[in-house]
Amino acid sequence: MVRTMLSAALAATLLATPVQAQDVGEIVGGIARQYLQQEQDRAAFAQTQSANTLSAYQSYLRQFPSGMYAQQARERVQRLGGAVAPLSNQAGSGVTTGTQAGSGTTTGTQAEVAGAALTADQRVAVQRRLNALGYNTNGLDGNFGPGTRRAISLWQRDRDYTQTGTLTQAQASEILRGQAPAASEGTGGSAAASGPAQDEAGLGLSRQQRAEVQAGLTRRGFDTRGVDGVFGRGTRNAIAAWQRANDLSATGYLTAAQVERLTAR
């Protein structure tokens, strides 16, 4: 079969260009090299699919940044919660994954080195806070796996940040403190800072309670873009609109009294 494919490719090439202008040896060698590269690419991706892990797809992209299956690999990396470096960064040596711009590679919990250097306890705290805000991390183990990466990416999306699945120091502080760092300047970096997001998180709303809030907003004419128990951008906008309509501070986050009002029949 390989011989047939090479013969067909050779015939097509020779027919496309005058024979006297060709070095047949170079043509054959070039076709053979191209075919072997394609086979290596195909075999590497098949092995990657068999492993089906974030690191496997990232490894494939480092080896074949412009391969036949590169786009599929990038899409899979994103589904698994990883961040895909731009193609221009992957084409050479010293490729980085995540958001790190220097040499070397970063995966898993090391990806935060580029921005937020978090301790194990802080990673658990980030996961706990994300869950409290309605972003399911699929565990509180301090390991930023695919579930946590997805949660971070959704949190970033809802705040109009670039969706990388990797936290910067400022974003980590915002999650841990319940507000943007700029709002807590002068506090000496105290983790005790409070804000609307942290106050809402302190309510410990279950997913069912969040769904009831969304249903209450929808009944009142404030579209949450779904009743799924997850406070995404649509729900935050609906909360803020409802707060403005009721002469309340439009923070997009709820107090206990507001939750009671919205869930009342």
Protein backbone atom coordinates (compact mmCIF):
# COMPACT_ATOMS: atom_id res chain seq x y z
CA MET A 1 0.00 0.00 0.00
CA VAL A 2 2.83 2.39 0.88
CA ARG A 3 4.49 1.62 -2.46
CA THR A 4 1.23 2.33 -4.30
CA MET A 5 0.78 5.68 -2.54
CA LEU A 6 4.35 6.73 -3.25
CA SER A 7 4.06 5.70 -6.90
CA ALA A 8 0.85 7.66 -7.33
CA ALA A 9 2.35 10.74 -5.71
CA LEU A 10 5.47 10.46 -7.87
CA ALA A 11 3.44 10.11 -11.07
CA ALA A 12 1.31 13.12 -10.22
CA THR A 13 4.38 15.23 -9.51
CA LEU A 14 6.17 14.26 -12.72
CA LEU A 15 3.07 14.92 -14.81
CA ALA A 16 2.63 18.35 -13.25
CA THR A 17 6.16 19.52 -14.19
CA PRO A 18 8.32 18.92 -17.31
CA VAL A 19 10.51 15.88 -16.74
CA GLN A 20 13.68 17.48 -18.05
CA ALA A 21 13.51 20.10 -15.32
CA GLN A 22 13.32 17.59 -12.52
CA ASP A 23 15.78 15.73 -10.46
CA VAL A 24 13.83 12.51 -10.05
CA GLY A 25 15.94 11.47 -7.08
CA GLU A 26 15.05 14.62 -5.18
CA ILE A 27 11.38 14.22 -6.03
CA VAL A 28 11.26 10.67 -4.72
CA GLY A 29 13.18 11.63 -1.59
CA GLY A 30 10.94 14.59 -0.92
CA ILE A 31 7.76 12.56 -1.32
CA ALA A 32 9.10 9.81 0.92
CA ARG A 33 10.07 12.30 3.64
CA GLN A 34 6.66 13.94 3.48
CA TYR A 35 4.90 10.61 3.73
CA LEU A 36 7.04 9.51 6.69
CA GLN A 37 6.36 12.80 8.48
CA GLN A 38 2.64 12.31 7.98
CA GLU A 39 2.84 8.77 9.31
CA GLN A 40 4.80 9.94 12.36
CA ASP A 41 2.22 12.66 12.92
CA ARG A 42 -0.64 10.16 12.60
CA ALA A 43 0.99 7.66 14.97
CA ALA A 44 1.81 10.34 17.55
CA PHE A 45 -1.75 11.64 17.60
CA ALA A 46 -3.18 8.13 17.86
CA GLN A 47 -0.98 7.55 20.91
CA THR A 48 -2.07 10.92 22.31
CA GLN A 49 -5.75 10.05 21.89
CA SER A 50 -5.14 6.74 23.61
CA ALA A 51 -3.62 8.52 26.63
CA ASN A 52 -6.29 11.27 26.47
CA THR A 53 -4.62 13.50 29.07
CA LEU A 54 -3.86 17.21 29.10
CA SER A 55 -0.11 16.61 29.19
CA ALA A 56 -0.32 14.17 26.26
CA TYR A 57 -2.06 16.69 24.00
CA GLN A 58 0.33 19.44 25.05
CA SER A 59 3.26 17.12 24.27
CA TYR A 60 1.83 16.40 20.83
CA LEU A 61 1.53 20.13 20.12
CA ARG A 62 5.14 20.70 21.13
CA GLN A 63 6.24 18.00 18.69
CA PHE A 64 3.82 18.85 15.86
CA PRO A 65 2.75 22.51 16.31
CA SER A 66 1.51 22.61 12.71
CA GLY A 67 0.59 18.94 12.39
CA MET A 68 -2.44 17.46 10.70
CA TYR A 69 -4.21 17.13 14.05
CA ALA A 70 -2.92 20.28 15.74
CA GLN A 71 -6.29 22.02 15.75
CA GLN A 72 -8.00 18.96 17.25
CA ALA A 73 -5.29 18.80 19.90
CA ARG A 74 -5.73 22.50 20.78
CA GLU A 75 -9.48 22.07 21.11
CA ARG A 76 -8.96 19.05 23.35
CA VAL A 77 -6.50 20.96 25.54
CA GLN A 78 -9.09 23.67 26.04
CA ARG A 79 -11.82 21.13 26.86
CA LEU A 80 -9.52 19.59 29.46
CA GLY A 81 -9.07 22.99 31.09
CA GLY A 82 -5.61 23.82 29.78
CA ALA A 83 -4.44 26.96 28.05
CA VAL A 84 -3.10 26.83 24.52
CA ALA A 85 -0.12 29.00 23.68
CA PRO A 86 -0.31 30.93 20.39
CA LEU A 87 0.96 29.01 17.37
CA SER A 88 3.90 31.41 17.02
CA ASN A 89 5.07 30.43 20.50
CA GLN A 90 4.80 26.72 19.79
CA ALA A 91 6.70 26.65 16.54
CA GLY A 92 10.19 26.83 18.06
CA SER A 93 12.10 25.32 20.91
CA GLY A 94 11.53 26.23 24.55
CA VAL A 95 7.77 26.17 24.06
CA THR A 96 5.61 27.18 26.98
CA THR A 97 2.12 26.08 27.84
CA GLY A 98 -0.29 28.10 29.92
CA THR A 99 0.55 31.82 29.96
CA GLN A 100 4.26 31.68 30.73
CA ALA A 101 6.36 33.55 28.20
CA GLY A 102 9.82 32.28 29.07
CA SER A 103 11.60 29.05 28.24
CA GLY A 104 10.57 25.65 29.53
CA THR A 105 7.12 24.18 29.97
CA THR A 106 4.54 24.41 32.72
CA THR A 107 1.62 22.11 33.43
CA GLY A 108 -0.75 21.39 36.31
CA THR A 109 -0.27 23.50 39.41
CA GLN A 110 3.03 24.87 38.06
CA ALA A 111 1.16 26.92 35.46
CA GLU A 112 0.51 29.61 38.06
CA VAL A 113 4.24 30.38 38.27
CA ALA A 114 3.74 32.78 35.38
CA GLY A 115 1.33 34.84 37.45
CA ALA A 116 0.12 33.77 40.87
CA ALA A 117 2.53 31.65 42.93
CA LEU A 118 0.06 29.87 45.21
CA THR A 119 0.71 27.58 48.13
CA ALA A 120 -1.22 24.33 48.47
CA ASP A 121 -3.48 25.91 51.11
CA GLN A 122 -4.14 28.90 48.88
CA ARG A 123 -5.05 26.63 45.96
CA VAL A 124 -7.57 24.85 48.16
CA ALA A 125 -8.92 28.24 49.26
CA VAL A 126 -9.27 29.31 45.62
CA GLN A 127 -11.18 26.12 44.82
CA ARG A 128 -13.43 26.60 47.84
CA ARG A 129 -14.17 30.20 46.86
CA LEU A 130 -14.87 29.28 43.23
CA ASN A 131 -17.34 26.64 44.36
CA ALA A 132 -19.01 29.12 46.69
CA LEU A 133 -19.41 31.49 43.73
CA GLY A 134 -21.04 28.76 41.66
CA TYR A 135 -18.03 27.51 39.66
CA ASN A 136 -17.66 23.79 40.24
CA THR A 137 -14.01 22.69 40.50
CA ASN A 138 -14.83 18.99 40.93
CA GLY A 139 -12.90 18.78 44.18
CA LEU A 140 -11.05 20.67 46.92
CA ASP A 141 -7.67 18.99 46.75
CA GLY A 142 -5.33 21.86 45.87
CA ASN A 143 -4.65 20.30 42.47
CA PHE A 144 -5.64 22.54 39.60
CA GLY A 145 -6.79 19.82 37.23
CA PRO A 146 -9.28 20.06 34.35
CA GLY A 147 -12.25 20.80 36.66
CA THR A 148 -10.51 23.72 38.36
CA ARG A 149 -9.18 25.02 35.04
CA ARG A 150 -12.70 25.07 33.62
CA ALA A 151 -13.99 26.84 36.73
CA ILE A 152 -11.25 29.48 36.51
CA SER A 153 -11.93 29.95 32.79
CA LEU A 154 -15.65 30.48 33.41
CA TRP A 155 -14.92 32.88 36.27
CA GLN A 156 -12.60 34.84 33.96
CA ARG A 157 -15.23 34.89 31.22
CA ASP A 158 -17.88 36.30 33.53
CA ARG A 159 -15.54 39.15 34.48
CA ASP A 160 -14.43 39.92 30.93
CA TYR A 161 -10.91 38.64 31.53
CA THR A 162 -9.04 36.68 28.88
CA GLN A 163 -10.01 33.02 29.34
CA THR A 164 -6.73 31.25 30.01
CA GLY A 165 -7.73 28.90 32.84
CA THR A 166 -4.63 30.23 34.63
CA LEU A 167 -4.73 32.85 37.36
CA THR A 168 -2.65 35.98 37.60
CA GLN A 169 -1.67 37.25 41.03
CA ALA A 170 -4.35 39.95 40.83
CA GLN A 171 -7.04 37.43 39.88
CA ALA A 172 -6.05 35.05 42.66
CA SER A 173 -6.27 37.94 45.13
CA GLU A 174 -9.68 38.90 43.77
CA ILE A 175 -11.01 35.39 44.30
CA LEU A 176 -9.47 34.96 47.75
CA ARG A 177 -10.53 38.36 49.03
CA GLY A 178 -13.89 38.55 47.31
CA GLN A 179 -13.05 41.79 45.51
CA ALA A 180 -10.54 43.27 43.13
CA PRO A 181 -7.15 44.11 44.68
CA ALA A 182 -7.54 47.78 43.75
CA ALA A 183 -10.47 48.04 46.12
CA SER A 184 -8.42 46.74 49.02
CA GLU A 185 -5.27 48.80 48.61
CA GLY A 186 -3.93 50.14 51.88
CA THR A 187 -5.08 47.10 53.83
CA GLY A 188 -1.60 45.66 54.00
CA GLY A 189 -2.68 42.69 51.87
CA SER A 190 -4.95 41.41 54.59
CA ALA A 191 -6.96 38.38 53.52
CA ALA A 192 -9.71 39.60 55.86
CA ALA A 193 -10.84 42.23 53.36
CA SER A 194 -14.54 42.06 52.59
CA GLY A 195 -16.67 42.91 49.61
CA PRO A 196 -19.97 42.04 47.91
CA ALA A 197 -18.63 38.85 46.36
CA GLN A 198 -17.20 37.62 49.65
CA ASP A 199 -20.39 38.54 51.51
CA GLU A 200 -22.45 36.53 49.05
CA ALA A 201 -20.02 33.62 49.24
CA GLY A 202 -20.43 33.68 53.00
CA LEU A 203 -24.13 32.89 52.56
CA GLY A 204 -23.16 29.40 51.41
CA LEU A 205 -25.94 29.18 48.85
CA SER A 206 -26.53 25.71 47.47
CA ARG A 207 -27.02 25.11 43.78
CA GLN A 208 -30.73 24.62 44.40
CA GLN A 209 -30.95 27.95 46.19
CA ARG A 210 -29.12 29.64 43.34
CA ALA A 211 -31.57 28.12 40.87
CA GLU A 212 -34.46 29.48 42.97
CA VAL A 213 -32.87 32.94 42.85
CA GLN A 214 -32.58 32.68 39.07
CA ALA A 215 -36.20 31.58 38.82
CA GLY A 216 -37.24 34.52 41.02
CA LEU A 217 -35.36 36.97 38.81
CA THR A 218 -36.87 35.47 35.67
CA ARG A 219 -40.40 35.74 37.10
CA ARG A 220 -39.77 39.41 37.74
CA GLY A 221 -38.67 40.00 34.16
CA PHE A 222 -34.90 39.88 34.62
CA ASP A 223 -33.45 37.29 32.23
CA THR A 224 -30.68 35.20 33.79
CA ARG A 225 -29.97 33.32 30.54
CA GLY A 226 -30.96 30.04 32.16
CA VAL A 227 -31.99 28.47 35.47
CA ASP A 228 -29.11 26.11 36.18
CA GLY A 229 -27.90 27.10 39.62
CA VAL A 230 -24.71 28.66 38.23
CA PHE A 231 -24.27 32.41 38.64
CA GLY A 232 -22.62 33.27 35.34
CA ARG A 233 -22.52 36.57 33.48
CA GLY A 234 -26.22 36.46 32.59
CA THR A 235 -27.26 36.00 36.21
CA ARG A 236 -24.87 38.68 37.48
CA ASN A 237 -26.26 41.15 34.94
CA ALA A 238 -29.82 40.22 35.92
CA ILE A 239 -29.05 40.68 39.63
CA ALA A 240 -27.50 44.09 38.98
CA ALA A 241 -30.49 45.16 36.84
CA TRP A 242 -32.91 44.03 39.56
CA GLN A 243 -30.89 45.87 42.20
CA ARG A 244 -30.95 49.10 40.15
CA ALA A 245 -34.70 48.75 39.60
CA ASN A 246 -35.17 48.51 43.36
CA ASP A 247 -32.84 51.41 44.25
CA LEU A 248 -30.21 49.07 45.65
CA SER A 249 -26.47 49.16 45.12
CA ALA A 250 -25.97 47.41 41.75
CA THR A 251 -23.08 45.11 42.68
CA GLY A 252 -24.32 42.00 40.90
CA TYR A 253 -23.93 40.12 44.20
CA LEU A 254 -26.65 39.32 46.70
CA THR A 255 -27.16 39.90 50.40
CA ALA A 256 -29.16 37.54 52.58
CA ALA A 257 -32.14 39.94 52.56
CA GLN A 258 -32.07 40.13 48.77
CA VAL A 259 -31.98 36.36 48.43
CA GLU A 260 -35.03 36.15 50.69
CA ARG A 261 -36.89 38.69 48.57
CA LEU A 262 -36.10 36.96 45.31
CA THR A 263 -37.03 33.47 46.49
CA ALA A 264 -40.27 34.55 48.13
CA ARG A 265 -43.39 33.38 46.29
